[in-house]
Amino acid sequence: ESILHIDGFEQDKKVVVIAATNRKEDLDPALISRFDTMIPFGLLDHSSRQQIASKYAKHLIKPELDELARVTK
């Protein structure tokens, strides 16, 4: 049996898997080897973290958003 069959994937189907981690060193190398492409990206700056927080934490006022962005480096 092919590994695709064992995993439940059919060869003629297109499958896209998107995953994210900040602890790559904890992942099994066998799992990592199954991904064709890895796209590393750096940490967000303070302003970007504050903008993201403002979209999801609408109840916070600006000083609280600033503090949240500061502590979530």
PDB file of N, CA and C in Angstrom:
ATOM      1  N   GLU A   1       0.834  -1.181   0.000  1.00  0.00           N
ATOM      2  CA  GLU A   1       0.000   0.000   0.000  1.00  0.00           C
ATOM      3  C   GLU A   1       0.878   1.243   0.000  1.00  0.00           C
ATOM      4  N   SER A   2       0.460   2.245  -0.724  1.00  0.00           N
ATOM      5  CA  SER A   2       1.228   3.495  -0.733  1.00  0.00           C
ATOM      6  C   SER A   2       0.922   4.278   0.537  1.00  0.00           C
ATOM      7  N   ILE A   3       1.836   5.183   0.869  1.00  0.00           N
ATOM      8  CA  ILE A   3       1.635   6.011   2.057  1.00  0.00           C
ATOM      9  C   ILE A   3       0.402   6.890   1.883  1.00  0.00           C
ATOM     10  N   LEU A   4       0.096   7.303   0.651  1.00  0.00           N
ATOM     11  CA  LEU A   4      -1.091   8.118   0.415  1.00  0.00           C
ATOM     12  C   LEU A   4      -2.349   7.348   0.769  1.00  0.00           C
ATOM     13  N   HIS A   5      -2.368   6.078   0.439  1.00  0.00           N
ATOM     14  CA  HIS A   5      -3.545   5.268   0.740  1.00  0.00           C
ATOM     15  C   HIS A   5      -3.694   5.080   2.258  1.00  0.00           C
ATOM     16  N   ILE A   6      -2.592   4.847   2.919  1.00  0.00           N
ATOM     17  CA  ILE A   6      -2.621   4.645   4.363  1.00  0.00           C
ATOM     18  C   ILE A   6      -3.121   5.913   5.064  1.00  0.00           C
ATOM     19  N   ASP A   7      -2.688   7.083   4.576  1.00  0.00           N
ATOM     20  CA  ASP A   7      -3.099   8.353   5.174  1.00  0.00           C
ATOM     21  C   ASP A   7      -4.536   8.725   4.832  1.00  0.00           C
ATOM     22  N   GLY A   8      -5.142   8.013   3.900  1.00  0.00           N
ATOM     23  CA  GLY A   8      -6.514   8.320   3.526  1.00  0.00           C
ATOM     24  C   GLY A   8      -6.626   9.309   2.381  1.00  0.00           C
ATOM     25  N   PHE A   9      -5.506   9.666   1.746  1.00  0.00           N
ATOM     26  CA  PHE A   9      -5.535  10.577   0.604  1.00  0.00           C
ATOM     27  C   PHE A   9      -5.537   9.773  -0.685  1.00  0.00           C
ATOM     28  N   GLU A  10      -6.269  10.259  -1.658  1.00  0.00           N
ATOM     29  CA  GLU A  10      -6.256   9.635  -2.974  1.00  0.00           C
ATOM     30  C   GLU A  10      -5.268  10.406  -3.840  1.00  0.00           C
ATOM     31  N   GLN A  11      -4.502   9.688  -4.655  1.00  0.00           N
ATOM     32  CA  GLN A  11      -3.455  10.327  -5.439  1.00  0.00           C
ATOM     33  C   GLN A  11      -3.997  11.324  -6.456  1.00  0.00           C
ATOM     34  N   ASP A  12      -5.187  11.124  -6.970  1.00  0.00           N
ATOM     35  CA  ASP A  12      -5.699  12.020  -8.006  1.00  0.00           C
ATOM     36  C   ASP A  12      -6.405  13.239  -7.423  1.00  0.00           C
ATOM     37  N   LYS A  13      -6.449  13.382  -6.126  1.00  0.00           N
ATOM     38  CA  LYS A  13      -7.069  14.538  -5.477  1.00  0.00           C
ATOM     39  C   LYS A  13      -5.986  15.534  -5.061  1.00  0.00           C
ATOM     40  N   LYS A  14      -6.307  16.810  -5.173  1.00  0.00           N
ATOM     41  CA  LYS A  14      -5.366  17.838  -4.719  1.00  0.00           C
ATOM     42  C   LYS A  14      -5.697  18.173  -3.270  1.00  0.00           C
ATOM     43  N   VAL A  15      -4.710  18.068  -2.418  1.00  0.00           N
ATOM     44  CA  VAL A  15      -4.889  18.327  -0.999  1.00  0.00           C
ATOM     45  C   VAL A  15      -3.920  19.434  -0.602  1.00  0.00           C
ATOM     46  N   VAL A  16      -4.439  20.437   0.071  1.00  0.00           N
ATOM     47  CA  VAL A  16      -3.602  21.514   0.576  1.00  0.00           C
ATOM     48  C   VAL A  16      -3.722  21.513   2.093  1.00  0.00           C
ATOM     49  N   VAL A  17      -2.588  21.443   2.755  1.00  0.00           N
ATOM     50  CA  VAL A  17      -2.555  21.489   4.216  1.00  0.00           C
ATOM     51  C   VAL A  17      -1.759  22.725   4.613  1.00  0.00           C
ATOM     52  N   ILE A  18      -2.363  23.556   5.430  1.00  0.00           N
ATOM     53  CA  ILE A  18      -1.673  24.739   5.938  1.00  0.00           C
ATOM     54  C   ILE A  18      -1.533  24.558   7.447  1.00  0.00           C
ATOM     55  N   ALA A  19      -0.316  24.703   7.928  1.00  0.00           N
ATOM     56  CA  ALA A  19      -0.054  24.521   9.355  1.00  0.00           C
ATOM     57  C   ALA A  19       0.871  25.629   9.830  1.00  0.00           C
ATOM     58  N   ALA A  20       0.809  25.907  11.106  1.00  0.00           N
ATOM     59  CA  ALA A  20       1.686  26.933  11.678  1.00  0.00           C
ATOM     60  C   ALA A  20       2.136  26.488  13.061  1.00  0.00           C
ATOM     61  N   THR A  21       3.359  26.839  13.387  1.00  0.00           N
ATOM     62  CA  THR A  21       3.885  26.553  14.716  1.00  0.00           C
ATOM     63  C   THR A  21       4.977  27.557  15.048  1.00  0.00           C
ATOM     64  N   ASN A  22       5.164  27.810  16.294  1.00  0.00           N
ATOM     65  CA  ASN A  22       6.315  28.595  16.715  1.00  0.00           C
ATOM     66  C   ASN A  22       7.312  27.696  17.454  1.00  0.00           C
ATOM     67  N   ARG A  23       7.077  26.382  17.373  1.00  0.00           N
ATOM     68  CA  ARG A  23       7.952  25.418  18.042  1.00  0.00           C
ATOM     69  C   ARG A  23       8.321  24.277  17.091  1.00  0.00           C
ATOM     70  N   LYS A  24       8.907  24.615  15.950  1.00  0.00           N
ATOM     71  CA  LYS A  24       9.266  23.615  14.953  1.00  0.00           C
ATOM     72  C   LYS A  24      10.151  22.508  15.544  1.00  0.00           C
ATOM     73  N   GLU A  25      10.995  22.879  16.491  1.00  0.00           N
ATOM     74  CA  GLU A  25      11.916  21.896  17.086  1.00  0.00           C
ATOM     75  C   GLU A  25      11.181  20.775  17.822  1.00  0.00           C
ATOM     76  N   ASP A  26       9.916  20.999  18.187  1.00  0.00           N
ATOM     77  CA  ASP A  26       9.138  19.976  18.879  1.00  0.00           C
ATOM     78  C   ASP A  26       8.399  19.030  17.927  1.00  0.00           C
ATOM     79  N   LEU A  27       8.424  19.331  16.630  1.00  0.00           N
ATOM     80  CA  LEU A  27       7.717  18.491  15.658  1.00  0.00           C
ATOM     81  C   LEU A  27       8.575  17.303  15.250  1.00  0.00           C
ATOM     82  N   ASP A  28       7.931  16.198  15.007  1.00  0.00           N
ATOM     83  CA  ASP A  28       8.609  14.996  14.551  1.00  0.00           C
ATOM     84  C   ASP A  28       9.164  15.231  13.145  1.00  0.00           C
ATOM     85  N   PRO A  29      10.422  14.886  12.893  1.00  0.00           N
ATOM     86  CA  PRO A  29      10.996  15.067  11.557  1.00  0.00           C
ATOM     87  C   PRO A  29      10.200  14.346  10.456  1.00  0.00           C
ATOM     88  N   ALA A  30       9.575  13.226  10.785  1.00  0.00           N
ATOM     89  CA  ALA A  30       8.762  12.519   9.796  1.00  0.00           C
ATOM     90  C   ALA A  30       7.562  13.366   9.379  1.00  0.00           C
ATOM     91  N   LEU A  31       6.996  14.104  10.306  1.00  0.00           N
ATOM     92  CA  LEU A  31       5.881  14.992   9.978  1.00  0.00           C
ATOM     93  C   LEU A  31       6.361  16.144   9.102  1.00  0.00           C
ATOM     94  N   ILE A  32       7.454  16.753   9.469  1.00  0.00           N
ATOM     95  CA  ILE A  32       7.996  17.881   8.704  1.00  0.00           C
ATOM     96  C   ILE A  32       8.314  17.454   7.277  1.00  0.00           C
ATOM     97  N   SER A  33       8.810  16.243   7.095  1.00  0.00           N
ATOM     98  CA  SER A  33       9.199  15.780   5.757  1.00  0.00           C
ATOM     99  C   SER A  33       8.011  15.631   4.812  1.00  0.00           C
ATOM    100  N   ARG A  34       6.798  15.609   5.319  1.00  0.00           N
ATOM    101  CA  ARG A  34       5.612  15.475   4.474  1.00  0.00           C
ATOM    102  C   ARG A  34       5.176  16.778   3.824  1.00  0.00           C
ATOM    103  N   PHE A  35       5.714  17.901   4.280  1.00  0.00           N
ATOM    104  CA  PHE A  35       5.355  19.193   3.714  1.00  0.00           C
ATOM    105  C   PHE A  35       6.309  19.551   2.588  1.00  0.00           C
ATOM    106  N   ASP A  36       5.748  19.941   1.442  1.00  0.00           N
ATOM    107  CA  ASP A  36       6.564  20.308   0.288  1.00  0.00           C
ATOM    108  C   ASP A  36       7.223  21.673   0.456  1.00  0.00           C
ATOM    109  N   THR A  37       6.519  22.598   1.077  1.00  0.00           N
ATOM    110  CA  THR A  37       6.990  23.972   1.175  1.00  0.00           C
ATOM    111  C   THR A  37       6.849  24.477   2.601  1.00  0.00           C
ATOM    112  N   MET A  38       7.870  25.150   3.063  1.00  0.00           N
ATOM    113  CA  MET A  38       7.811  25.798   4.368  1.00  0.00           C
ATOM    114  C   MET A  38       8.113  27.273   4.147  1.00  0.00           C
ATOM    115  N   ILE A  39       7.300  28.134   4.716  1.00  0.00           N
ATOM    116  CA  ILE A  39       7.468  29.576   4.547  1.00  0.00           C
ATOM    117  C   ILE A  39       7.679  30.194   5.926  1.00  0.00           C
ATOM    118  N   PRO A  40       8.917  30.475   6.288  1.00  0.00           N
ATOM    119  CA  PRO A  40       9.169  31.100   7.589  1.00  0.00           C
ATOM    120  C   PRO A  40       8.871  32.601   7.529  1.00  0.00           C
ATOM    121  N   PHE A  41       8.392  33.140   8.607  1.00  0.00           N
ATOM    122  CA  PHE A  41       8.202  34.584   8.682  1.00  0.00           C
ATOM    123  C   PHE A  41       8.495  35.032  10.098  1.00  0.00           C
ATOM    124  N   GLY A  42       8.956  36.246  10.205  1.00  0.00           N
ATOM    125  CA  GLY A  42       9.377  36.789  11.492  1.00  0.00           C
ATOM    126  C   GLY A  42       8.206  37.243  12.339  1.00  0.00           C
ATOM    127  N   LEU A  43       8.563  37.702  13.511  1.00  0.00           N
ATOM    128  CA  LEU A  43       7.560  38.201  14.439  1.00  0.00           C
ATOM    129  C   LEU A  43       7.033  39.554  13.982  1.00  0.00           C
ATOM    130  N   LEU A  44       5.797  39.835  14.326  1.00  0.00           N
ATOM    131  CA  LEU A  44       5.187  41.116  13.985  1.00  0.00           C
ATOM    132  C   LEU A  44       5.748  42.223  14.860  1.00  0.00           C
ATOM    133  N   ASP A  45       5.752  43.439  14.321  1.00  0.00           N
ATOM    134  CA  ASP A  45       6.190  44.576  15.131  1.00  0.00           C
ATOM    135  C   ASP A  45       5.044  45.038  16.040  1.00  0.00           C
ATOM    136  N   HIS A  46       5.349  45.957  16.909  1.00  0.00           N
ATOM    137  CA  HIS A  46       4.380  46.430  17.910  1.00  0.00           C
ATOM    138  C   HIS A  46       3.104  46.952  17.252  1.00  0.00           C
ATOM    139  N   SER A  47       3.258  47.775  16.235  1.00  0.00           N
ATOM    140  CA  SER A  47       2.104  48.370  15.562  1.00  0.00           C
ATOM    141  C   SER A  47       1.204  47.303  14.932  1.00  0.00           C
ATOM    142  N   SER A  48       1.798  46.306  14.306  1.00  0.00           N
ATOM    143  CA  SER A  48       1.013  45.223  13.676  1.00  0.00           C
ATOM    144  C   SER A  48       0.259  44.413  14.721  1.00  0.00           C
ATOM    145  N   ARG A  49       0.919  44.111  15.849  1.00  0.00           N
ATOM    146  CA  ARG A  49       0.249  43.376  16.922  1.00  0.00           C
ATOM    147  C   ARG A  49      -0.922  44.182  17.477  1.00  0.00           C
ATOM    148  N   GLN A  50      -0.737  45.489  17.594  1.00  0.00           N
ATOM    149  CA  GLN A  50      -1.786  46.361  18.110  1.00  0.00           C
ATOM    150  C   GLN A  50      -2.973  46.407  17.132  1.00  0.00           C
ATOM    151  N   GLN A  51      -2.702  46.470  15.837  1.00  0.00           N
ATOM    152  CA  GLN A  51      -3.773  46.490  14.833  1.00  0.00           C
ATOM    153  C   GLN A  51      -4.575  45.187  14.852  1.00  0.00           C
ATOM    154  N   ILE A  52      -3.895  44.070  14.962  1.00  0.00           N
ATOM    155  CA  ILE A  52      -4.586  42.778  15.012  1.00  0.00           C
ATOM    156  C   ILE A  52      -5.431  42.693  16.277  1.00  0.00           C
ATOM    157  N   ALA A  53      -4.864  43.082  17.404  1.00  0.00           N
ATOM    158  CA  ALA A  53      -5.609  43.036  18.668  1.00  0.00           C
ATOM    159  C   ALA A  53      -6.848  43.917  18.601  1.00  0.00           C
ATOM    160  N   SER A  54      -6.754  45.069  17.944  1.00  0.00           N
ATOM    161  CA  SER A  54      -7.898  45.980  17.883  1.00  0.00           C
ATOM    162  C   SER A  54      -9.066  45.393  17.100  1.00  0.00           C
ATOM    163  N   LYS A  55      -8.786  44.489  16.186  1.00  0.00           N
ATOM    164  CA  LYS A  55      -9.859  43.842  15.408  1.00  0.00           C
ATOM    165  C   LYS A  55     -10.604  42.792  16.230  1.00  0.00           C
ATOM    166  N   TYR A  56      -9.911  42.147  17.155  1.00  0.00           N
ATOM    167  CA  TYR A  56     -10.507  41.041  17.904  1.00  0.00           C
ATOM    168  C   TYR A  56     -10.824  41.374  19.350  1.00  0.00           C
ATOM    169  N   ALA A  57     -10.287  42.465  19.844  1.00  0.00           N
ATOM    170  CA  ALA A  57     -10.539  42.861  21.232  1.00  0.00           C
ATOM    171  C   ALA A  57     -11.127  44.270  21.222  1.00  0.00           C
ATOM    172  N   LYS A  58     -12.269  44.399  20.585  1.00  0.00           N
ATOM    173  CA  LYS A  58     -12.899  45.704  20.391  1.00  0.00           C
ATOM    174  C   LYS A  58     -13.288  46.371  21.712  1.00  0.00           C
ATOM    175  N   HIS A  59     -13.376  45.600  22.777  1.00  0.00           N
ATOM    176  CA  HIS A  59     -13.751  46.152  24.068  1.00  0.00           C
ATOM    177  C   HIS A  59     -12.594  46.876  24.766  1.00  0.00           C
ATOM    178  N   LEU A  60     -11.375  46.717  24.262  1.00  0.00           N
ATOM    179  CA  LEU A  60     -10.224  47.353  24.899  1.00  0.00           C
ATOM    180  C   LEU A  60     -10.039  48.779  24.389  1.00  0.00           C
ATOM    181  N   ILE A  61      -9.597  49.654  25.274  1.00  0.00           N
ATOM    182  CA  ILE A  61      -9.288  51.020  24.871  1.00  0.00           C
ATOM    183  C   ILE A  61      -7.820  51.082  24.429  1.00  0.00           C
ATOM    184  N   LYS A  62      -7.431  52.188  23.800  1.00  0.00           N
ATOM    185  CA  LYS A  62      -6.101  52.291  23.202  1.00  0.00           C
ATOM    186  C   LYS A  62      -4.956  51.947  24.161  1.00  0.00           C
ATOM    187  N   PRO A  63      -4.930  52.471  25.390  1.00  0.00           N
ATOM    188  CA  PRO A  63      -3.830  52.088  26.289  1.00  0.00           C
ATOM    189  C   PRO A  63      -3.796  50.574  26.573  1.00  0.00           C
ATOM    190  N   GLU A  64      -4.963  49.953  26.659  1.00  0.00           N
ATOM    191  CA  GLU A  64      -5.011  48.499  26.890  1.00  0.00           C
ATOM    192  C   GLU A  64      -4.516  47.737  25.665  1.00  0.00           C
ATOM    193  N   LEU A  65      -4.864  48.213  24.472  1.00  0.00           N
ATOM    194  CA  LEU A  65      -4.370  47.594  23.239  1.00  0.00           C
ATOM    195  C   LEU A  65      -2.859  47.721  23.144  1.00  0.00           C
ATOM    196  N   ASP A  66      -2.367  48.898  23.537  1.00  0.00           N
ATOM    197  CA  ASP A  66      -0.919  49.128  23.535  1.00  0.00           C
ATOM    198  C   ASP A  66      -0.214  48.171  24.491  1.00  0.00           C
ATOM    199  N   GLU A  67      -0.770  47.986  25.669  1.00  0.00           N
ATOM    200  CA  GLU A  67      -0.198  47.059  26.655  1.00  0.00           C
ATOM    201  C   GLU A  67      -0.251  45.620  26.145  1.00  0.00           C
ATOM    202  N   LEU A  68      -1.367  45.229  25.538  1.00  0.00           N
ATOM    203  CA  LEU A  68      -1.498  43.879  24.987  1.00  0.00           C
ATOM    204  C   LEU A  68      -0.450  43.644  23.897  1.00  0.00           C
ATOM    205  N   ALA A  69      -0.273  44.615  23.028  1.00  0.00           N
ATOM    206  CA  ALA A  69       0.731  44.484  21.967  1.00  0.00           C
ATOM    207  C   ALA A  69       2.137  44.413  22.557  1.00  0.00           C
ATOM    208  N   ARG A  70       2.366  45.134  23.645  1.00  0.00           N
ATOM    209  CA  ARG A  70       3.686  45.121  24.272  1.00  0.00           C
ATOM    210  C   ARG A  70       4.025  43.774  24.883  1.00  0.00           C
ATOM    211  N   VAL A  71       3.060  43.158  25.541  1.00  0.00           N
ATOM    212  CA  VAL A  71       3.334  41.902  26.257  1.00  0.00           C
ATOM    213  C   VAL A  71       3.232  40.657  25.375  1.00  0.00           C
ATOM    214  N   THR A  72       2.770  40.797  24.150  1.00  0.00           N
ATOM    215  CA  THR A  72       2.613  39.622  23.277  1.00  0.00           C
ATOM    216  C   THR A  72       3.711  39.534  22.238  1.00  0.00           C
ATOM    217  N   LYS A  73       4.899  39.973  22.577  1.00  0.00           N
ATOM    218  CA  LYS A  73       6.038  39.885  21.650  1.00  0.00           C
ATOM    219  C   LYS A  73       6.324  38.452  21.319  1.00  0.00           C
TER     220      LYS A  73
END
